[in-house]
Protein backbone atom coordinates (compact mmCIF):
# COMPACT_ATOMS: atom_id res chain seq x y z
CA MET A 1 0.00 0.00 0.00
CA ARG A 2 1.01 3.65 -0.37
CA SER A 3 1.67 5.67 2.76
CA VAL A 4 3.02 9.15 3.49
CA THR A 5 6.20 9.21 5.57
CA LEU A 6 7.48 12.24 7.47
CA CYS A 7 11.22 11.80 6.94
CA ALA A 8 12.46 15.02 8.55
CA PRO A 9 11.12 18.54 9.10
CA GLY A 10 9.92 19.81 5.73
CA GLU A 11 10.43 16.45 4.02
CA LEU A 12 7.56 14.12 3.08
CA ARG A 13 7.76 10.98 0.96
CA VAL A 14 5.17 8.53 -0.36
CA ASP A 15 6.38 4.98 0.37
CA THR A 16 5.08 1.56 -0.59
CA VAL A 17 4.72 -0.62 2.50
CA PRO A 18 3.03 -3.96 3.25
CA VAL A 19 -0.69 -3.96 4.02
CA PRO A 20 -0.98 -4.90 7.71
CA GLU A 21 -3.05 -7.84 8.90
CA PRO A 22 -5.39 -7.41 11.89
CA SER A 23 -4.89 -9.46 15.05
CA GLU A 24 -7.25 -9.99 18.01
CA GLY A 25 -9.79 -7.16 18.17
CA GLU A 26 -8.05 -5.08 15.51
CA LEU A 27 -9.54 -3.42 12.42
CA LEU A 28 -8.04 -2.86 9.02
CA ILE A 29 -9.66 0.19 7.45
CA ARG A 30 -9.56 1.25 3.82
CA VAL A 31 -9.08 4.98 4.35
CA GLN A 32 -11.65 7.07 2.49
CA ALA A 33 -10.77 10.41 4.05
CA ALA A 34 -7.87 11.67 6.17
CA THR A 35 -7.87 15.33 7.14
CA THR A 36 -4.85 17.50 7.81
CA CYS A 37 -4.19 18.75 11.31
CA GLY A 38 -2.35 21.64 12.94
CA THR A 39 -0.29 19.14 14.95
CA ASP A 40 0.89 17.47 11.75
CA LEU A 41 1.78 20.89 10.37
CA LYS A 42 3.85 21.60 13.48
CA ALA A 43 5.62 18.25 13.03
CA TRP A 44 6.32 19.05 9.38
CA ARG A 45 7.68 22.47 10.33
CA ARG A 46 10.00 21.55 13.19
CA GLY A 47 9.30 18.06 14.45
CA HIS A 48 7.04 16.99 17.29
CA PRO A 49 7.79 14.91 20.41
CA GLN A 50 4.75 12.68 19.79
CA ILE A 51 5.35 12.12 16.05
CA PRO A 52 8.51 10.05 15.39
CA MET A 53 10.67 10.74 12.33
CA PRO A 54 10.99 9.01 10.02
CA GLY A 55 7.50 7.63 10.45
CA PRO A 56 3.92 7.56 9.17
CA LEU A 57 1.83 10.72 9.38
CA GLY A 58 -1.86 11.47 9.85
CA HIS A 59 -4.37 10.68 12.59
CA GLU A 60 -7.77 12.04 11.48
CA TYR A 61 -9.56 9.37 9.48
CA SER A 62 -12.70 7.63 8.32
CA GLY A 63 -13.17 4.68 6.00
CA ASP A 64 -14.49 1.18 5.43
CA VAL A 65 -13.56 -1.98 7.32
CA VAL A 66 -11.87 -4.47 4.96
CA ALA A 67 -10.58 -7.01 7.48
CA VAL A 68 -11.06 -7.77 11.17
CA GLY A 69 -9.29 -9.75 13.82
CA PRO A 70 -11.08 -12.26 16.08
CA ASN A 71 -13.67 -10.80 18.49
CA SER A 72 -14.02 -7.53 16.62
CA ARG A 73 -16.99 -5.24 17.29
CA PHE A 74 -17.24 -4.52 13.56
CA ALA A 75 -17.67 -6.49 10.35
CA VAL A 76 -16.12 -6.26 6.92
CA GLY A 77 -17.96 -3.61 4.92
CA ASP A 78 -18.82 -1.36 7.87
CA ALA A 79 -18.25 2.35 7.32
CA VAL A 80 -16.50 3.73 10.41
CA MET A 81 -15.02 6.86 11.95
CA GLY A 82 -12.60 6.94 14.84
CA VAL A 83 -9.75 8.55 16.69
CA HIS A 84 -6.13 7.49 17.11
CA SER A 85 -5.89 6.81 20.84
CA ALA A 86 -7.67 5.24 23.80
CA PRO A 87 -6.93 5.10 27.54
CA CYS A 88 -5.93 1.95 29.38
CA GLY A 89 -8.77 2.20 31.92
CA HIS A 90 -6.58 1.06 34.82
CA CYS A 91 -3.93 3.68 35.62
CA ARG A 92 -4.12 6.35 38.31
CA TRP A 93 -5.58 8.96 35.93
CA CYS A 94 -8.14 6.63 34.38
CA GLN A 95 -9.30 5.66 37.88
CA ALA A 96 -9.54 9.37 38.78
CA ASP A 97 -11.94 10.00 35.85
CA GLN A 98 -9.20 11.70 33.83
CA PRO A 99 -8.81 9.24 30.94
CA ASN A 100 -7.45 11.98 28.69
CA LEU A 101 -4.36 11.99 30.94
CA CYS A 102 -3.90 8.20 30.88
CA GLU A 103 -0.25 7.37 31.45
CA SER A 104 -0.01 5.30 28.25
CA ILE A 105 -2.47 7.08 25.94
CA MET A 106 0.27 8.70 23.87
CA GLU A 107 2.54 5.67 23.74
CA THR A 108 -0.22 3.48 22.31
CA LYS A 109 -1.69 5.86 19.73
CA VAL A 110 -1.76 4.97 16.04
CA LEU A 111 -0.43 7.20 13.26
CA GLY A 112 -0.47 6.71 9.50
CA ALA A 113 -3.91 7.87 8.31
CA TYR A 114 -2.31 9.42 5.21
CA ALA A 115 -2.31 6.02 3.57
CA GLU A 116 -4.51 3.63 1.65
CA TYR A 117 -5.05 1.44 4.72
CA LEU A 118 -4.88 1.99 8.47
CA LEU A 119 -4.60 -0.72 11.13
CA VAL A 120 -6.53 0.30 14.25
CA PRO A 121 -5.28 -1.43 17.43
CA ALA A 122 -7.75 -3.37 19.57
CA ARG A 123 -7.52 -0.91 22.47
CA ILE A 124 -8.75 1.90 20.22
CA ALA A 125 -11.22 -0.16 18.20
CA ALA A 126 -12.91 -1.34 21.39
CA VAL A 127 -13.98 2.10 22.63
CA ASN A 128 -13.17 4.92 20.22
CA VAL A 129 -14.32 3.75 16.79
CA TYR A 130 -17.95 4.37 15.74
CA PRO A 131 -20.21 3.45 12.83
CA LYS A 132 -20.40 6.20 10.23
CA PRO A 133 -23.98 7.12 9.28
CA ALA A 134 -24.70 7.02 5.55
CA ASP A 135 -25.76 10.68 5.51
CA LEU A 136 -22.46 11.90 7.01
CA SER A 137 -19.65 12.43 4.50
CA TYR A 138 -16.36 10.65 4.99
CA ALA A 139 -14.62 14.05 5.07
CA GLN A 140 -16.74 15.34 7.95
CA ALA A 141 -16.54 11.97 9.71
CA ALA A 142 -12.73 12.29 9.68
CA LEU A 143 -13.10 15.41 11.82
CA LEU A 144 -14.14 13.28 14.81
CA GLU A 145 -10.63 13.43 16.33
CA PRO A 146 -10.14 17.24 16.41
CA LEU A 147 -13.75 17.68 17.48
CA ALA A 148 -13.10 15.27 20.37
CA CYS A 149 -10.30 17.60 21.53
CA VAL A 150 -12.82 20.45 21.47
CA ALA A 151 -15.40 18.31 23.28
CA GLN A 152 -12.85 17.59 26.03
CA GLY A 153 -12.50 21.33 26.56
CA ILE A 154 -16.27 21.73 26.76
CA ILE A 155 -16.51 18.86 29.25
CA GLU A 156 -13.94 20.63 31.45
CA ILE A 157 -16.00 23.84 31.27
CA GLN A 158 -19.11 21.88 32.24
CA ARG A 159 -17.34 20.39 35.26
CA ILE A 160 -17.26 23.92 36.64
CA LEU A 161 -20.34 25.59 35.15
CA GLY A 162 -22.65 22.62 34.80
CA GLU A 163 -25.11 22.88 31.91
CA GLN A 164 -25.52 26.66 32.14
CA THR A 165 -24.73 28.72 29.04
CA GLY A 166 -23.72 32.34 28.56
CA THR A 167 -21.34 34.43 26.52
CA VAL A 168 -18.14 32.93 25.16
CA LEU A 169 -15.25 34.49 23.28
CA VAL A 170 -13.10 32.22 21.10
CA ILE A 171 -9.76 33.78 20.16
CA GLY A 172 -8.26 32.30 17.01
CA PRO A 173 -10.42 31.43 13.96
CA GLY A 174 -8.42 28.37 12.95
CA ALA A 175 -10.10 24.99 12.56
CA ILE A 176 -10.13 24.28 16.32
CA GLY A 177 -11.41 27.75 17.21
CA LEU A 178 -14.24 27.51 14.69
CA MET A 179 -15.09 24.01 15.93
CA PHE A 180 -15.35 25.42 19.45
CA GLY A 181 -17.61 28.16 18.15
CA ALA A 182 -19.83 25.77 16.20
CA MET A 183 -20.13 23.21 19.00
CA LEU A 184 -20.87 25.80 21.69
CA LYS A 185 -23.41 27.54 19.47
CA GLN A 186 -25.09 24.17 18.94
CA ALA A 187 -25.27 23.88 22.75
CA GLY A 188 -26.95 27.28 23.12
CA TRP A 189 -24.03 29.62 23.90
CA ASP A 190 -23.80 33.21 22.63
CA VAL A 191 -20.53 32.89 20.66
CA THR A 192 -18.09 35.51 19.43
CA VAL A 193 -14.98 34.52 17.45
CA ALA A 194 -12.10 36.99 17.22
CA GLY A 195 -8.87 36.86 15.27
CA ARG A 196 -6.52 38.53 12.82
CA ASN A 197 -7.08 36.47 9.65
CA PRO A 198 -9.95 37.98 7.58
CA ALA A 199 -10.31 34.89 5.36
CA ARG A 200 -10.75 32.61 8.36
CA LEU A 201 -13.12 35.02 10.05
CA GLN A 202 -15.18 34.90 6.85
CA ILE A 203 -15.33 31.10 7.08
CA GLY A 204 -16.64 31.50 10.62
CA THR A 205 -19.28 33.92 9.38
CA GLU A 206 -20.32 31.35 6.76
CA MET A 207 -20.76 28.89 9.62
CA GLY A 208 -23.22 31.28 11.26
CA LEU A 209 -20.81 32.57 13.92
CA SER A 210 -20.40 36.18 15.01
CA CYS A 211 -16.83 37.03 13.98
CA VAL A 212 -14.85 40.22 14.66
CA PRO A 213 -11.25 41.37 14.19
CA LEU A 214 -9.33 40.99 17.44
CA SER A 215 -8.22 44.63 17.19
CA GLU A 216 -11.85 45.76 17.42
CA LEU A 217 -12.63 43.74 20.53
CA ASP A 218 -13.19 45.78 23.66
CA ALA A 219 -11.27 44.35 26.60
CA CYS A 220 -14.14 45.37 28.91
CA ASP A 221 -16.71 43.25 27.11
CA GLY A 222 -16.43 40.77 30.00
CA PHE A 223 -17.26 37.34 28.58
CA ASP A 224 -18.37 34.50 30.85
CA VAL A 225 -15.87 32.18 29.15
CA VAL A 226 -12.81 33.00 27.03
CA ILE A 227 -11.14 30.24 24.98
CA GLU A 228 -7.65 30.90 23.62
CA CYS A 229 -6.90 28.84 20.50
CA THR A 230 -3.85 30.50 18.94
CA GLY A 231 -1.10 28.99 21.11
CA GLN A 232 0.76 32.31 21.09
CA VAL A 233 2.13 33.34 24.47
CA GLU A 234 1.30 37.03 24.03
CA VAL A 235 -2.31 36.10 23.25
CA TRP A 236 -2.43 33.80 26.29
CA GLU A 237 -1.36 36.71 28.45
CA LYS A 238 -3.85 39.16 26.90
CA SER A 239 -6.80 36.75 26.97
CA ILE A 240 -7.45 37.23 30.68
CA ASP A 241 -8.47 40.83 29.97
CA TYR A 242 -11.58 39.68 28.09
CA ALA A 243 -13.02 37.56 30.92
CA ARG A 244 -15.61 39.00 33.29
CA ARG A 245 -15.14 39.00 37.05
CA GLY A 246 -15.66 35.43 38.21
CA GLY A 247 -15.22 34.26 34.62
CA LEU A 248 -13.32 31.33 33.14
CA LEU A 249 -10.30 31.41 30.84
CA MET A 250 -9.43 28.28 28.88
CA LEU A 251 -5.89 28.18 27.47
CA PHE A 252 -6.37 25.64 24.72
CA GLY A 253 -3.75 26.52 22.12
CA GLY A 254 -0.36 25.01 22.99
CA PRO A 255 2.72 27.30 22.73
CA PRO A 256 6.12 25.76 21.91
CA GLY A 257 7.76 23.77 24.70
CA GLY A 258 9.85 25.72 27.17
CA THR A 259 7.91 28.97 26.83
CA ARG A 260 6.48 30.80 29.83
CA ALA A 261 3.49 33.08 30.28
CA SER A 262 2.66 35.67 32.95
CA PHE A 263 -0.73 37.03 33.97
CA ASN A 264 -2.17 40.07 35.70
CA THR A 265 -2.19 38.74 39.25
CA HIS A 266 -4.66 41.39 40.42
CA ARG A 267 -7.22 40.20 37.89
CA LEU A 268 -6.48 36.54 38.51
CA HIS A 269 -6.94 36.85 42.28
CA TYR A 270 -9.31 39.74 42.99
CA ASP A 271 -11.55 39.07 40.00
CA GLN A 272 -11.48 35.31 40.73
CA ILE A 273 -10.65 34.16 37.21
CA THR A 274 -10.57 30.39 36.76
CA LEU A 275 -7.84 29.04 34.48
CA LEU A 276 -8.20 25.77 32.55
CA SER A 277 -5.86 24.12 30.06
CA PRO A 278 -7.29 20.81 28.82
CA PHE A 279 -5.21 18.18 27.04
CA HIS A 280 -6.21 15.56 24.46
CA PHE A 281 -9.49 13.68 25.04
CA GLY A 282 -11.08 10.67 26.71
CA PRO A 283 -13.89 8.38 25.53
CA PRO A 284 -16.68 10.67 26.89
CA ALA A 285 -15.32 13.47 24.71
CA VAL A 286 -15.19 11.20 21.65
CA ARG A 287 -18.80 10.20 22.31
CA LYS A 288 -19.80 13.87 22.70
CA ALA A 289 -18.10 14.78 19.40
CA TYR A 290 -19.71 11.83 17.63
CA GLU A 291 -23.16 12.87 18.82
CA ALA A 292 -22.58 16.44 17.66
CA LEU A 293 -21.52 15.31 14.17
CA THR A 294 -24.35 12.83 13.81
CA GLN A 295 -26.92 15.34 15.06
CA GLY A 296 -26.31 17.88 12.34
CA LEU A 297 -23.19 19.88 13.27
CA ASP A 298 -21.96 21.10 9.87
CA LEU A 299 -18.20 21.52 9.68
CA SER A 300 -17.97 21.31 5.88
CA PRO A 301 -16.80 24.96 5.51
CA LEU A 302 -13.54 23.94 7.23
CA ILE A 303 -12.61 21.62 4.35
CA SER A 304 -10.49 23.54 1.83
CA GLY A 305 -10.38 20.82 -0.80
CA GLU A 306 -9.38 17.26 -1.64
CA ARG A 307 -5.81 16.08 -2.30
CA THR A 308 -4.10 12.86 -3.31
CA LEU A 309 -1.24 11.30 -1.35
CA ASP A 310 1.13 12.43 -4.11
CA GLN A 311 0.18 16.02 -3.27
CA ALA A 312 1.20 15.71 0.39
CA ALA A 313 4.28 17.95 0.11
CA GLU A 314 2.34 20.56 -1.86
CA THR A 315 -0.50 20.42 0.65
CA PHE A 316 1.72 21.17 3.64
CA THR A 317 3.45 23.96 1.74
CA ASP A 318 0.01 25.45 1.11
CA LEU A 319 -0.94 25.17 4.79
CA GLU A 320 2.34 26.74 5.85
CA SER A 321 1.63 29.67 3.52
CA GLY A 322 -1.87 30.13 4.91
CA ARG A 323 -3.63 28.72 1.84
CA GLY A 324 -6.49 26.64 3.14
CA MET A 325 -7.82 25.54 6.51
CA LYS A 326 -7.97 21.73 6.38
CA TYR A 327 -7.42 19.51 3.35
CA VAL A 328 -8.73 15.99 3.01
CA PHE A 329 -6.59 13.26 1.51
CA THR A 330 -8.65 10.71 -0.42
CA PRO A 331 -6.23 7.77 -0.80
């Protein structure tokens, strides 16, 4: 089969490798759609601690089951959508209802969705793969993984605020920021998305979101919840100014390792601002994302176009240059 390999920063290659065979509980999926991701772009730019080089790339996928191991939950011919990790269910964090922090969740993930076939390990297939409804496109189904990251953030907000809604500011109109906006709007929140990229703000507008340039945002607007999605330290530090007294600030975007941020301590303490910084996702978040997608959440405006595996290098050059939001490989 053909598979995209990340050889080194800035270097992608399409290799021919053996088609894997599924063992106990495993699934072999014929990939129908694999969407690009900001994490993969970071790895392509400068490397990433969770993405080995040289190694296969891609972790957002949907497709059709073509082979199964013994005791599989699925059958050959099933259309499925899934994510690339699953918790062990036994470690300290899993037992503390923090499966997204499972001690082995990163070590057991599967990469290689930019390929004709993907072998899904039993641990993942058992809990984090779902049937794809016929009326949901493969491209949108492949967005289950990034939407699960968003859903994890929303679950963390709900741990504090319960089911109440209010005003929310999302800073950063990238794919994740617009997913936050769309999912929170679906849940009844009054959403504002702010950023510096007019083209991406326009995509948000097309999704029915209220979008404004960040420069026009009044720091005294006082939102109930502020969600930072740029991963830029200076934006992290400024974001606290947009939260109301007693509000919540979620620092979702991840700055480069080793960076530090400082905050207005007067606001943090005397205005009782709650800080959150969620990581990855657990099975409840995957379920929440799946329900949102299968109940009509339309994320199609985020898809910038289709590409072949042979266009992988061109695709990442386009993303680096700001051309496009998310592309879908159709192997």
